Amino acid sequence: MTNILLKTKLIEMSETIVSAYIAGGTLTQIADLHEVSVGTVRSLLLANGVQLRPRGRPRKHRVNDKRMLAAKESAASPAVNETHGYEGQLDD
């Protein structure tokens, strides 16, 4: 009997859980709010066809990334052609 009540409660909560996740809530935050495990939240989301976001924080570009530094340097220093002079836009 207890198992059936728990499943009924989870089905009723699934809409709220889906809405909270789509609004930006994390699995852990939603699990804590509804007093269920992260695995339960994950299972409910997948059962409702929700595509899960990648784990962890969104990555930001690292300042010391060699590719980023090279791009910044090339944008900051204008190209000079030995025979024709400056190549690029002139600021008036």
N, C-alpha and C. Protein backbone atom coordinates (compact mmCIF):
# COMPACT_ATOMS: atom_id res chain seq x y z
N MET A 1 0.83 -1.20 0.00
CA MET A 1 0.00 0.00 0.00
C MET A 1 0.87 1.26 0.00
N THR A 2 1.93 1.29 0.80
CA THR A 2 2.80 2.45 0.88
C THR A 2 3.49 2.70 -0.45
N ASN A 3 3.88 1.64 -1.14
CA ASN A 3 4.55 1.76 -2.43
C ASN A 3 3.64 2.42 -3.47
N ILE A 4 2.38 2.08 -3.47
CA ILE A 4 1.42 2.65 -4.41
C ILE A 4 1.22 4.14 -4.12
N LEU A 5 1.14 4.50 -2.85
CA LEU A 5 0.99 5.91 -2.50
C LEU A 5 2.21 6.73 -2.92
N LEU A 6 3.39 6.16 -2.75
CA LEU A 6 4.62 6.84 -3.13
C LEU A 6 4.65 7.07 -4.64
N LYS A 7 4.30 6.04 -5.42
CA LYS A 7 4.28 6.17 -6.87
C LYS A 7 3.25 7.21 -7.31
N THR A 8 2.10 7.23 -6.67
CA THR A 8 1.07 8.22 -7.00
C THR A 8 1.57 9.62 -6.71
N LYS A 9 2.25 9.80 -5.58
CA LYS A 9 2.79 11.10 -5.21
C LYS A 9 3.83 11.55 -6.23
N LEU A 10 4.69 10.64 -6.68
CA LEU A 10 5.72 10.98 -7.65
C LEU A 10 5.12 11.37 -9.00
N ILE A 11 4.08 10.69 -9.40
CA ILE A 11 3.41 11.02 -10.66
C ILE A 11 2.82 12.43 -10.57
N GLU A 12 2.23 12.73 -9.44
CA GLU A 12 1.65 14.06 -9.25
C GLU A 12 2.72 15.15 -9.22
N MET A 13 3.90 14.83 -8.68
CA MET A 13 4.99 15.80 -8.59
C MET A 13 5.74 15.96 -9.91
N SER A 14 5.58 15.04 -10.82
CA SER A 14 6.41 15.05 -12.03
C SER A 14 6.26 16.34 -12.83
N GLU A 15 5.06 16.89 -12.92
CA GLU A 15 4.85 18.13 -13.66
C GLU A 15 5.61 19.28 -12.99
N THR A 16 5.56 19.33 -11.68
CA THR A 16 6.27 20.36 -10.93
C THR A 16 7.78 20.20 -11.10
N ILE A 17 8.25 18.96 -11.06
CA ILE A 17 9.68 18.68 -11.21
C ILE A 17 10.16 19.08 -12.61
N VAL A 18 9.41 18.72 -13.62
CA VAL A 18 9.76 19.08 -14.99
C VAL A 18 9.81 20.60 -15.14
N SER A 19 8.81 21.28 -14.63
CA SER A 19 8.76 22.74 -14.72
C SER A 19 9.95 23.38 -14.01
N ALA A 20 10.29 22.87 -12.85
CA ALA A 20 11.41 23.41 -12.09
C ALA A 20 12.73 23.21 -12.83
N TYR A 21 12.90 22.07 -13.46
CA TYR A 21 14.14 21.78 -14.19
C TYR A 21 14.24 22.66 -15.43
N ILE A 22 13.16 22.80 -16.16
CA ILE A 22 13.15 23.64 -17.36
C ILE A 22 13.41 25.10 -16.99
N ALA A 23 12.96 25.50 -15.82
CA ALA A 23 13.17 26.87 -15.35
C ALA A 23 14.62 27.11 -14.90
N GLY A 24 15.44 26.05 -14.86
CA GLY A 24 16.85 26.21 -14.51
C GLY A 24 17.30 25.57 -13.22
N GLY A 25 16.39 24.92 -12.50
CA GLY A 25 16.77 24.25 -11.26
C GLY A 25 17.70 23.07 -11.53
N THR A 26 18.60 22.81 -10.59
CA THR A 26 19.48 21.66 -10.73
C THR A 26 18.80 20.41 -10.18
N LEU A 27 19.31 19.26 -10.55
CA LEU A 27 18.75 18.00 -10.04
C LEU A 27 18.80 17.98 -8.51
N THR A 28 19.92 18.44 -7.96
CA THR A 28 20.08 18.43 -6.50
C THR A 28 19.10 19.37 -5.82
N GLN A 29 18.93 20.57 -6.36
CA GLN A 29 18.00 21.53 -5.77
C GLN A 29 16.57 20.98 -5.78
N ILE A 30 16.19 20.40 -6.90
CA ILE A 30 14.83 19.87 -7.03
C ILE A 30 14.63 18.67 -6.10
N ALA A 31 15.64 17.81 -6.02
CA ALA A 31 15.55 16.64 -5.14
C ALA A 31 15.40 17.08 -3.69
N ASP A 32 16.19 18.05 -3.28
CA ASP A 32 16.10 18.55 -1.90
C ASP A 32 14.73 19.17 -1.62
N LEU A 33 14.22 19.93 -2.58
CA LEU A 33 12.93 20.59 -2.41
C LEU A 33 11.80 19.58 -2.23
N HIS A 34 11.85 18.49 -2.98
CA HIS A 34 10.77 17.49 -2.94
C HIS A 34 11.08 16.29 -2.03
N GLU A 35 12.23 16.36 -1.38
CA GLU A 35 12.65 15.32 -0.44
C GLU A 35 12.68 13.93 -1.09
N VAL A 36 13.29 13.89 -2.28
CA VAL A 36 13.51 12.63 -2.99
C VAL A 36 14.97 12.61 -3.42
N SER A 37 15.43 11.48 -3.95
CA SER A 37 16.82 11.38 -4.37
C SER A 37 17.02 12.04 -5.73
N VAL A 38 18.28 12.36 -6.03
CA VAL A 38 18.64 12.93 -7.33
C VAL A 38 18.29 11.92 -8.43
N GLY A 39 18.50 10.65 -8.16
CA GLY A 39 18.17 9.60 -9.13
C GLY A 39 16.69 9.57 -9.45
N THR A 40 15.85 9.81 -8.46
CA THR A 40 14.41 9.84 -8.69
C THR A 40 14.04 11.01 -9.58
N VAL A 41 14.63 12.18 -9.33
CA VAL A 41 14.36 13.35 -10.15
C VAL A 41 14.81 13.09 -11.58
N ARG A 42 16.01 12.54 -11.71
CA ARG A 42 16.55 12.23 -13.04
C ARG A 42 15.64 11.26 -13.78
N SER A 43 15.21 10.22 -13.12
CA SER A 43 14.33 9.23 -13.74
C SER A 43 13.00 9.84 -14.18
N LEU A 44 12.43 10.68 -13.34
CA LEU A 44 11.17 11.34 -13.69
C LEU A 44 11.33 12.26 -14.90
N LEU A 45 12.44 12.98 -14.94
CA LEU A 45 12.68 13.87 -16.07
C LEU A 45 12.83 13.08 -17.37
N LEU A 46 13.62 12.03 -17.32
CA LEU A 46 13.82 11.20 -18.51
C LEU A 46 12.51 10.53 -18.94
N ALA A 47 11.72 10.08 -17.98
CA ALA A 47 10.44 9.44 -18.29
C ALA A 47 9.47 10.42 -18.95
N ASN A 48 9.65 11.72 -18.67
CA ASN A 48 8.80 12.75 -19.26
C ASN A 48 9.41 13.36 -20.52
N GLY A 49 10.47 12.75 -21.03
CA GLY A 49 11.07 13.18 -22.28
C GLY A 49 11.92 14.44 -22.20
N VAL A 50 12.37 14.79 -21.01
CA VAL A 50 13.19 15.99 -20.84
C VAL A 50 14.65 15.64 -21.15
N GLN A 51 15.29 16.46 -22.00
CA GLN A 51 16.70 16.26 -22.28
C GLN A 51 17.51 16.92 -21.17
N LEU A 52 18.37 16.15 -20.51
CA LEU A 52 19.13 16.67 -19.39
C LEU A 52 20.29 17.54 -19.87
N ARG A 53 20.58 18.58 -19.09
CA ARG A 53 21.71 19.46 -19.39
C ARG A 53 23.00 18.74 -19.00
N PRO A 54 24.12 19.17 -19.57
CA PRO A 54 25.41 18.59 -19.17
C PRO A 54 25.67 18.85 -17.69
N ARG A 55 26.44 17.96 -17.08
CA ARG A 55 26.76 18.12 -15.66
C ARG A 55 27.70 19.28 -15.44
N GLY A 56 27.60 19.87 -14.28
CA GLY A 56 28.51 20.94 -13.88
C GLY A 56 28.08 22.30 -14.38
N ARG A 57 28.90 23.29 -14.05
CA ARG A 57 28.63 24.66 -14.47
C ARG A 57 28.95 24.84 -15.94
N PRO A 58 28.28 25.78 -16.58
CA PRO A 58 28.68 26.09 -17.95
C PRO A 58 30.11 26.62 -17.95
N ARG A 59 30.89 26.18 -18.92
CA ARG A 59 32.30 26.57 -18.97
C ARG A 59 32.45 27.95 -19.59
N LYS A 60 33.36 28.71 -19.04
CA LYS A 60 33.72 30.01 -19.58
C LYS A 60 35.07 29.86 -20.26
N HIS A 61 35.36 30.74 -21.20
CA HIS A 61 36.65 30.69 -21.85
C HIS A 61 37.74 31.02 -20.85
N ARG A 62 38.80 30.26 -20.91
CA ARG A 62 39.92 30.51 -20.01
C ARG A 62 40.82 31.57 -20.61
N VAL A 63 41.27 32.49 -19.81
CA VAL A 63 42.11 33.59 -20.27
C VAL A 63 43.45 33.06 -20.76
N ASN A 64 43.98 32.01 -20.15
CA ASN A 64 45.29 31.52 -20.52
C ASN A 64 45.23 30.45 -21.63
N ASP A 65 44.09 30.28 -22.24
CA ASP A 65 43.96 29.34 -23.35
C ASP A 65 44.75 29.91 -24.52
N LYS A 66 45.70 29.14 -25.06
CA LYS A 66 46.59 29.61 -26.11
C LYS A 66 45.83 30.11 -27.33
N ARG A 67 44.75 29.43 -27.70
CA ARG A 67 43.98 29.84 -28.87
C ARG A 67 43.32 31.20 -28.63
N MET A 68 42.80 31.41 -27.43
CA MET A 68 42.15 32.68 -27.12
C MET A 68 43.18 33.81 -27.11
N LEU A 69 44.36 33.56 -26.54
CA LEU A 69 45.40 34.59 -26.49
C LEU A 69 45.87 34.94 -27.90
N ALA A 70 46.05 33.94 -28.74
CA ALA A 70 46.49 34.19 -30.11
C ALA A 70 45.46 35.01 -30.87
N ALA A 71 44.19 34.71 -30.67
CA ALA A 71 43.12 35.46 -31.34
C ALA A 71 43.09 36.90 -30.86
N LYS A 72 43.28 37.13 -29.57
CA LYS A 72 43.28 38.48 -29.03
C LYS A 72 44.47 39.28 -29.56
N GLU A 73 45.64 38.63 -29.62
CA GLU A 73 46.83 39.32 -30.10
C GLU A 73 46.71 39.70 -31.56
N SER A 74 46.18 38.79 -32.38
CA SER A 74 46.06 39.09 -33.81
C SER A 74 45.02 40.17 -34.05
N ALA A 75 44.00 40.24 -33.23
CA ALA A 75 42.98 41.28 -33.39
C ALA A 75 43.50 42.63 -32.90
N ALA A 76 44.40 42.62 -31.92
CA ALA A 76 44.91 43.86 -31.34
C ALA A 76 45.99 44.50 -32.19
N SER A 77 46.80 43.70 -32.89
CA SER A 77 47.89 44.28 -33.68
C SER A 77 47.56 44.20 -35.16
N PRO A 78 47.54 45.34 -35.83
CA PRO A 78 47.21 45.35 -37.25
C PRO A 78 48.30 44.68 -38.09
N ALA A 79 47.90 44.07 -39.19
CA ALA A 79 48.84 43.43 -40.09
C ALA A 79 49.52 44.50 -40.94
N VAL A 80 50.82 44.37 -41.12
CA VAL A 80 51.56 45.31 -41.94
C VAL A 80 52.18 44.55 -43.10
N ASN A 81 51.90 45.02 -44.29
CA ASN A 81 52.45 44.44 -45.50
C ASN A 81 53.66 45.28 -45.87
N GLU A 82 54.82 44.65 -46.07
CA GLU A 82 56.05 45.39 -46.31
C GLU A 82 56.00 46.24 -47.57
N THR A 83 55.30 45.80 -48.61
CA THR A 83 55.29 46.56 -49.85
C THR A 83 54.15 47.57 -49.92
N HIS A 84 53.03 47.30 -49.28
CA HIS A 84 51.87 48.18 -49.40
C HIS A 84 51.51 48.91 -48.11
N GLY A 85 52.18 48.63 -47.02
CA GLY A 85 51.89 49.32 -45.78
C GLY A 85 50.79 48.61 -44.97
N TYR A 86 49.98 49.38 -44.29
CA TYR A 86 48.97 48.88 -43.38
C TYR A 86 47.86 48.16 -44.14
N GLU A 87 47.45 46.98 -43.62
CA GLU A 87 46.32 46.25 -44.18
C GLU A 87 45.21 46.24 -43.15
N GLY A 88 44.06 46.74 -43.48
CA GLY A 88 42.95 46.73 -42.56
C GLY A 88 42.21 48.03 -42.61
N GLN A 89 41.31 48.19 -41.67
CA GLN A 89 40.47 49.39 -41.63
C GLN A 89 41.25 50.53 -40.96
N LEU A 90 41.11 51.70 -41.54
CA LEU A 90 41.69 52.89 -40.92
C LEU A 90 40.61 53.58 -40.11
N ASP A 91 40.95 53.97 -38.92
CA ASP A 91 39.99 54.70 -38.08
C ASP A 91 40.10 56.17 -38.39
N ASP A 92 39.01 56.81 -38.74
CA ASP A 92 39.01 58.24 -39.03
C ASP A 92 38.61 59.02 -37.81
